[in-house]
Amino acid sequence: MRAACQKSGQRRVFTSLLLGMVSLAIALAIAGHPLAALAALILSHLWILYATLYPNSQWLGPVVTHFDSQGRQVWLTIDDGPADGETQAVLDLLDQHQAKATFFLIGHRAKAQPDRVRQILERGHHIGNHSMSHPQGTFWCLSRRRIESEVVGCEAVIEGITGHPPQQFRAPVGHKPWSL
């Protein structure tokens, strides 16, 4: 999971293109073309917003959108737990239909309900990392250090409860931060 906080080749290409656009804007401004410079800056900022806020954007690194499988399958995922009452109801419903899911857990909630986390595993489900505190309004613009703290902190909590770290991470609200 710590590898999730490392730079990818795709990000380097994206960053190079972005820096190229900003350099172009500066050159255009110096050459006396302020409207063209403004257009280049606006385009560069739109690239950043798209890459950050579009959930399936691959521009800042790989995003898992599908798996190879035998036949038709659906991957059920449950976010933001464990939650009082709700997690138990979802587990019971999944049992009724003999279905399995991946529960993306928030570290603070998992720490407060370790028995519920173990119950998820005992019933045959998987557990993923959904950040330590789920900063949904700000996750996309947090610093690299703060994002690493969110990811690694949740990983440590889950590993402490289950004995092994989660293999998947899902960003709050699906936004992929620039620094992740």
C-alpha atoms as a PDB file:
ATOM      1  CA  MET A   1       0.000   0.000   0.000  1.00  0.00           C
ATOM      2  CA  ARG A   2       2.890   2.346   0.680  1.00  0.00           C
ATOM      3  CA  ALA A   3       3.634   2.056  -3.038  1.00  0.00           C
ATOM      4  CA  ALA A   4       0.339   3.888  -3.638  1.00  0.00           C
ATOM      5  CA  CYS A   5       2.075   7.038  -2.402  1.00  0.00           C
ATOM      6  CA  GLN A   6       4.907   6.773  -4.962  1.00  0.00           C
ATOM      7  CA  LYS A   7       5.192   8.595  -8.279  1.00  0.00           C
ATOM      8  CA  SER A   8       4.271   6.810 -11.475  1.00  0.00           C
ATOM      9  CA  GLY A   9       5.580   7.238 -15.018  1.00  0.00           C
ATOM     10  CA  GLN A  10       2.193   8.535 -16.136  1.00  0.00           C
ATOM     11  CA  ARG A  11       2.362  11.297 -13.566  1.00  0.00           C
ATOM     12  CA  ARG A  12       5.799  12.345 -14.819  1.00  0.00           C
ATOM     13  CA  VAL A  13       4.446  12.668 -18.359  1.00  0.00           C
ATOM     14  CA  PHE A  14       1.422  14.613 -17.108  1.00  0.00           C
ATOM     15  CA  THR A  15       3.661  16.904 -15.038  1.00  0.00           C
ATOM     16  CA  SER A  16       5.992  17.493 -17.985  1.00  0.00           C
ATOM     17  CA  LEU A  17       3.076  18.456 -20.222  1.00  0.00           C
ATOM     18  CA  LEU A  18       1.671  20.720 -17.539  1.00  0.00           C
ATOM     19  CA  LEU A  19       5.009  22.464 -17.043  1.00  0.00           C
ATOM     20  CA  GLY A  20       5.268  22.815 -20.810  1.00  0.00           C
ATOM     21  CA  MET A  21       1.882  24.564 -20.903  1.00  0.00           C
ATOM     22  CA  VAL A  22       2.890  26.950 -18.105  1.00  0.00           C
ATOM     23  CA  SER A  23       6.207  27.660 -19.869  1.00  0.00           C
ATOM     24  CA  LEU A  24       4.288  28.361 -23.059  1.00  0.00           C
ATOM     25  CA  ALA A  25       2.018  30.759 -21.161  1.00  0.00           C
ATOM     26  CA  ILE A  26       5.020  32.615 -19.760  1.00  0.00           C
ATOM     27  CA  ALA A  27       6.679  32.799 -23.182  1.00  0.00           C
ATOM     28  CA  LEU A  28       3.470  34.094 -24.760  1.00  0.00           C
ATOM     29  CA  ALA A  29       3.104  36.733 -22.050  1.00  0.00           C
ATOM     30  CA  ILE A  30       6.699  37.899 -22.513  1.00  0.00           C
ATOM     31  CA  ALA A  31       6.189  38.006 -26.290  1.00  0.00           C
ATOM     32  CA  GLY A  32       3.241  40.350 -25.837  1.00  0.00           C
ATOM     33  CA  HIS A  33       0.355  37.897 -26.337  1.00  0.00           C
ATOM     34  CA  PRO A  34      -1.539  38.125 -23.020  1.00  0.00           C
ATOM     35  CA  LEU A  35      -4.765  36.509 -24.259  1.00  0.00           C
ATOM     36  CA  ALA A  36      -2.912  33.499 -25.666  1.00  0.00           C
ATOM     37  CA  ALA A  37      -0.959  33.266 -22.389  1.00  0.00           C
ATOM     38  CA  LEU A  38      -4.208  33.337 -20.419  1.00  0.00           C
ATOM     39  CA  ALA A  39      -5.681  30.630 -22.649  1.00  0.00           C
ATOM     40  CA  ALA A  40      -2.639  28.391 -22.042  1.00  0.00           C
ATOM     41  CA  LEU A  41      -2.935  28.900 -18.263  1.00  0.00           C
ATOM     42  CA  ILE A  42      -6.664  28.137 -18.302  1.00  0.00           C
ATOM     43  CA  LEU A  43      -6.037  24.962 -20.318  1.00  0.00           C
ATOM     44  CA  SER A  44      -3.337  23.817 -17.896  1.00  0.00           C
ATOM     45  CA  HIS A  45      -5.686  24.319 -14.935  1.00  0.00           C
ATOM     46  CA  LEU A  46      -8.485  22.445 -16.680  1.00  0.00           C
ATOM     47  CA  TRP A  47      -6.079  19.507 -17.142  1.00  0.00           C
ATOM     48  CA  ILE A  48      -5.366  19.492 -13.412  1.00  0.00           C
ATOM     49  CA  LEU A  49      -9.049  19.655 -12.492  1.00  0.00           C
ATOM     50  CA  TYR A  50      -9.971  16.867 -14.896  1.00  0.00           C
ATOM     51  CA  ALA A  51      -7.164  14.575 -13.727  1.00  0.00           C
ATOM     52  CA  THR A  52      -8.044  15.211 -10.094  1.00  0.00           C
ATOM     53  CA  LEU A  53     -11.829  15.225 -10.092  1.00  0.00           C
ATOM     54  CA  TYR A  54     -12.752  12.696 -12.798  1.00  0.00           C
ATOM     55  CA  PRO A  55     -12.859   9.365 -10.901  1.00  0.00           C
ATOM     56  CA  ASN A  56     -11.599   7.116 -13.731  1.00  0.00           C
ATOM     57  CA  SER A  57      -8.880   9.431 -15.025  1.00  0.00           C
ATOM     58  CA  GLN A  58      -5.639   7.532 -15.559  1.00  0.00           C
ATOM     59  CA  TRP A  59      -3.557  10.712 -15.997  1.00  0.00           C
ATOM     60  CA  LEU A  60      -2.105  10.719 -12.483  1.00  0.00           C
ATOM     61  CA  GLY A  61      -1.534   6.969 -12.363  1.00  0.00           C
ATOM     62  CA  PRO A  62      -3.440   3.734 -12.717  1.00  0.00           C
ATOM     63  CA  VAL A  63      -7.042   3.429 -11.517  1.00  0.00           C
ATOM     64  CA  VAL A  64      -8.612  -0.046 -11.387  1.00  0.00           C
ATOM     65  CA  THR A  65     -11.863   0.012 -13.352  1.00  0.00           C
ATOM     66  CA  HIS A  66     -12.305  -3.677 -14.230  1.00  0.00           C
ATOM     67  CA  PHE A  67     -10.855  -7.142 -13.724  1.00  0.00           C
ATOM     68  CA  ASP A  68     -10.406 -10.145 -15.977  1.00  0.00           C
ATOM     69  CA  SER A  69     -12.778 -12.872 -14.834  1.00  0.00           C
ATOM     70  CA  GLN A  70     -14.343 -16.150 -15.811  1.00  0.00           C
ATOM     71  CA  GLY A  71     -17.835 -15.281 -17.050  1.00  0.00           C
ATOM     72  CA  ARG A  72     -19.943 -12.349 -15.927  1.00  0.00           C
ATOM     73  CA  GLN A  73     -19.187 -11.095 -12.431  1.00  0.00           C
ATOM     74  CA  VAL A  74     -19.842  -8.014 -10.365  1.00  0.00           C
ATOM     75  CA  TRP A  75     -17.463  -6.663  -7.726  1.00  0.00           C
ATOM     76  CA  LEU A  76     -19.543  -5.353  -4.830  1.00  0.00           C
ATOM     77  CA  THR A  77     -17.857  -2.651  -2.787  1.00  0.00           C
ATOM     78  CA  ILE A  78     -19.092  -1.018   0.398  1.00  0.00           C
ATOM     79  CA  ASP A  79     -17.538   2.301   1.503  1.00  0.00           C
ATOM     80  CA  ASP A  80     -17.251   4.341   4.692  1.00  0.00           C
ATOM     81  CA  GLY A  81     -17.622   1.647   7.344  1.00  0.00           C
ATOM     82  CA  PRO A  82     -17.759   0.097   9.694  1.00  0.00           C
ATOM     83  CA  ALA A  83     -20.936   1.903  10.748  1.00  0.00           C
ATOM     84  CA  ASP A  84     -23.152   1.079  13.711  1.00  0.00           C
ATOM     85  CA  GLY A  85     -26.078  -1.085  12.644  1.00  0.00           C
ATOM     86  CA  GLU A  86     -25.578  -0.524   8.940  1.00  0.00           C
ATOM     87  CA  THR A  87     -22.563  -2.807   8.561  1.00  0.00           C
ATOM     88  CA  GLN A  88     -24.355  -5.619  10.391  1.00  0.00           C
ATOM     89  CA  ALA A  89     -27.427  -5.217   8.172  1.00  0.00           C
ATOM     90  CA  VAL A  90     -25.292  -5.264   5.011  1.00  0.00           C
ATOM     91  CA  LEU A  91     -23.418  -8.375   6.196  1.00  0.00           C
ATOM     92  CA  ASP A  92     -26.711 -10.150   6.900  1.00  0.00           C
ATOM     93  CA  LEU A  93     -28.099  -9.179   3.493  1.00  0.00           C
ATOM     94  CA  LEU A  94     -24.954 -10.411   1.737  1.00  0.00           C
ATOM     95  CA  ASP A  95     -25.190 -13.702   3.643  1.00  0.00           C
ATOM     96  CA  GLN A  96     -28.836 -14.100   2.575  1.00  0.00           C
ATOM     97  CA  HIS A  97     -27.794 -13.859  -1.071  1.00  0.00           C
ATOM     98  CA  GLN A  98     -24.519 -15.779  -0.673  1.00  0.00           C
ATOM     99  CA  ALA A  99     -22.679 -12.745  -2.002  1.00  0.00           C
ATOM    100  CA  LYS A 100     -19.239 -11.446  -1.152  1.00  0.00           C
ATOM    101  CA  ALA A 101     -18.012  -7.849  -1.128  1.00  0.00           C
ATOM    102  CA  THR A 102     -15.013  -5.674  -0.390  1.00  0.00           C
ATOM    103  CA  PHE A 103     -15.535  -3.271   2.498  1.00  0.00           C
ATOM    104  CA  PHE A 104     -13.452  -0.097   2.170  1.00  0.00           C
ATOM    105  CA  LEU A 105     -13.008   0.962   5.785  1.00  0.00           C
ATOM    106  CA  ILE A 106     -12.224   4.296   7.400  1.00  0.00           C
ATOM    107  CA  GLY A 107      -9.352   3.887   9.852  1.00  0.00           C
ATOM    108  CA  HIS A 108     -10.900   5.801  12.788  1.00  0.00           C
ATOM    109  CA  ARG A 109     -14.112   3.790  12.510  1.00  0.00           C
ATOM    110  CA  ALA A 110     -12.238   0.494  12.182  1.00  0.00           C
ATOM    111  CA  LYS A 111     -10.150   1.341  15.258  1.00  0.00           C
ATOM    112  CA  ALA A 112     -13.349   2.011  17.239  1.00  0.00           C
ATOM    113  CA  GLN A 113     -14.992  -1.270  16.087  1.00  0.00           C
ATOM    114  CA  PRO A 114     -12.291  -3.952  15.772  1.00  0.00           C
ATOM    115  CA  ASP A 115     -14.781  -6.773  16.402  1.00  0.00           C
ATOM    116  CA  ARG A 116     -16.887  -5.607  13.449  1.00  0.00           C
ATOM    117  CA  VAL A 117     -13.765  -5.543  11.242  1.00  0.00           C
ATOM    118  CA  ARG A 118     -12.934  -9.123  12.240  1.00  0.00           C
ATOM    119  CA  GLN A 119     -16.564 -10.118  11.605  1.00  0.00           C
ATOM    120  CA  ILE A 120     -16.318  -8.808   8.022  1.00  0.00           C
ATOM    121  CA  LEU A 121     -13.353 -11.122   7.417  1.00  0.00           C
ATOM    122  CA  GLU A 122     -14.911 -14.074   9.260  1.00  0.00           C
ATOM    123  CA  ARG A 123     -17.874 -13.894   6.898  1.00  0.00           C
ATOM    124  CA  GLY A 124     -15.548 -14.235   3.902  1.00  0.00           C
ATOM    125  CA  HIS A 125     -15.372 -10.646   2.689  1.00  0.00           C
ATOM    126  CA  HIS A 126     -12.332  -8.533   1.814  1.00  0.00           C
ATOM    127  CA  ILE A 127     -11.228  -5.312   3.466  1.00  0.00           C
ATOM    128  CA  GLY A 128      -9.793  -2.273   1.703  1.00  0.00           C
ATOM    129  CA  ASN A 129      -8.319   1.046   2.846  1.00  0.00           C
ATOM    130  CA  HIS A 130     -10.555   4.131   2.571  1.00  0.00           C
ATOM    131  CA  SER A 131      -8.243   6.574   4.453  1.00  0.00           C
ATOM    132  CA  MET A 132      -7.871   7.228   8.153  1.00  0.00           C
ATOM    133  CA  SER A 133     -10.422  10.038   8.562  1.00  0.00           C
ATOM    134  CA  HIS A 134     -12.207  10.277   5.167  1.00  0.00           C
ATOM    135  CA  PRO A 135     -11.581  13.980   4.487  1.00  0.00           C
ATOM    136  CA  GLN A 136     -14.132  14.047   1.670  1.00  0.00           C
ATOM    137  CA  GLY A 137     -14.192  17.780   1.059  1.00  0.00           C
ATOM    138  CA  THR A 138     -10.431  18.242   1.000  1.00  0.00           C
ATOM    139  CA  PHE A 139      -8.781  14.921   0.099  1.00  0.00           C
ATOM    140  CA  TRP A 140      -8.152  15.941  -3.510  1.00  0.00           C
ATOM    141  CA  CYS A 141      -6.029  18.932  -2.452  1.00  0.00           C
ATOM    142  CA  LEU A 142      -4.172  17.616   0.611  1.00  0.00           C
ATOM    143  CA  SER A 143      -0.394  17.677   0.781  1.00  0.00           C
ATOM    144  CA  ARG A 144       1.563  14.549  -0.065  1.00  0.00           C
ATOM    145  CA  ARG A 145       2.553  14.163   3.597  1.00  0.00           C
ATOM    146  CA  ARG A 146      -1.059  14.386   4.804  1.00  0.00           C
ATOM    147  CA  ILE A 147      -2.287  11.919   2.176  1.00  0.00           C
ATOM    148  CA  GLU A 148       0.467   9.489   3.092  1.00  0.00           C
ATOM    149  CA  SER A 149      -0.582   9.849   6.736  1.00  0.00           C
ATOM    150  CA  GLU A 150      -4.202   9.081   5.798  1.00  0.00           C
ATOM    151  CA  VAL A 151      -3.304   6.006   3.725  1.00  0.00           C
ATOM    152  CA  VAL A 152      -0.554   4.587   5.938  1.00  0.00           C
ATOM    153  CA  GLY A 153      -2.502   5.319   9.137  1.00  0.00           C
ATOM    154  CA  CYS A 154      -5.543   3.381   7.947  1.00  0.00           C
ATOM    155  CA  GLU A 155      -3.317   0.585   6.684  1.00  0.00           C
ATOM    156  CA  ALA A 156      -1.689   0.271  10.122  1.00  0.00           C
ATOM    157  CA  VAL A 157      -5.058   0.149  11.900  1.00  0.00           C
ATOM    158  CA  ILE A 158      -6.426  -2.546   9.589  1.00  0.00           C
ATOM    159  CA  GLU A 159      -3.216  -4.572   9.756  1.00  0.00           C
ATOM    160  CA  GLY A 160      -3.232  -4.297  13.551  1.00  0.00           C
ATOM    161  CA  ILE A 161      -6.755  -5.720  13.699  1.00  0.00           C
ATOM    162  CA  THR A 162      -6.589  -8.353  10.945  1.00  0.00           C
ATOM    163  CA  GLY A 163      -2.915  -9.305  10.904  1.00  0.00           C
ATOM    164  CA  HIS A 164      -2.348  -8.258   7.291  1.00  0.00           C
ATOM    165  CA  PRO A 165      -2.516  -4.986   5.362  1.00  0.00           C
ATOM    166  CA  PRO A 166      -5.304  -4.246   2.891  1.00  0.00           C
ATOM    167  CA  GLN A 167      -4.442  -4.732  -0.773  1.00  0.00           C
ATOM    168  CA  GLN A 168      -6.719  -2.038  -2.212  1.00  0.00           C
ATOM    169  CA  PHE A 169      -7.105   1.671  -1.556  1.00  0.00           C
ATOM    170  CA  ARG A 170     -10.090   3.776  -2.581  1.00  0.00           C
ATOM    171  CA  ALA A 171      -9.825   7.546  -2.241  1.00  0.00           C
ATOM    172  CA  PRO A 172     -12.660   9.366  -0.473  1.00  0.00           C
ATOM    173  CA  VAL A 173     -15.283  10.504  -2.992  1.00  0.00           C
ATOM    174  CA  GLY A 174     -13.211   8.860  -5.743  1.00  0.00           C
ATOM    175  CA  HIS A 175     -11.014  11.934  -6.193  1.00  0.00           C
ATOM    176  CA  LYS A 176      -7.414  11.182  -7.039  1.00  0.00           C
ATOM    177  CA  PRO A 177      -5.165  13.803  -5.483  1.00  0.00           C
ATOM    178  CA  TRP A 178      -2.312  15.342  -7.419  1.00  0.00           C
ATOM    179  CA  SER A 179       0.121  14.249  -4.702  1.00  0.00           C
ATOM    180  CA  LEU A 180      -0.961  10.585  -4.450  1.00  0.00           C
END
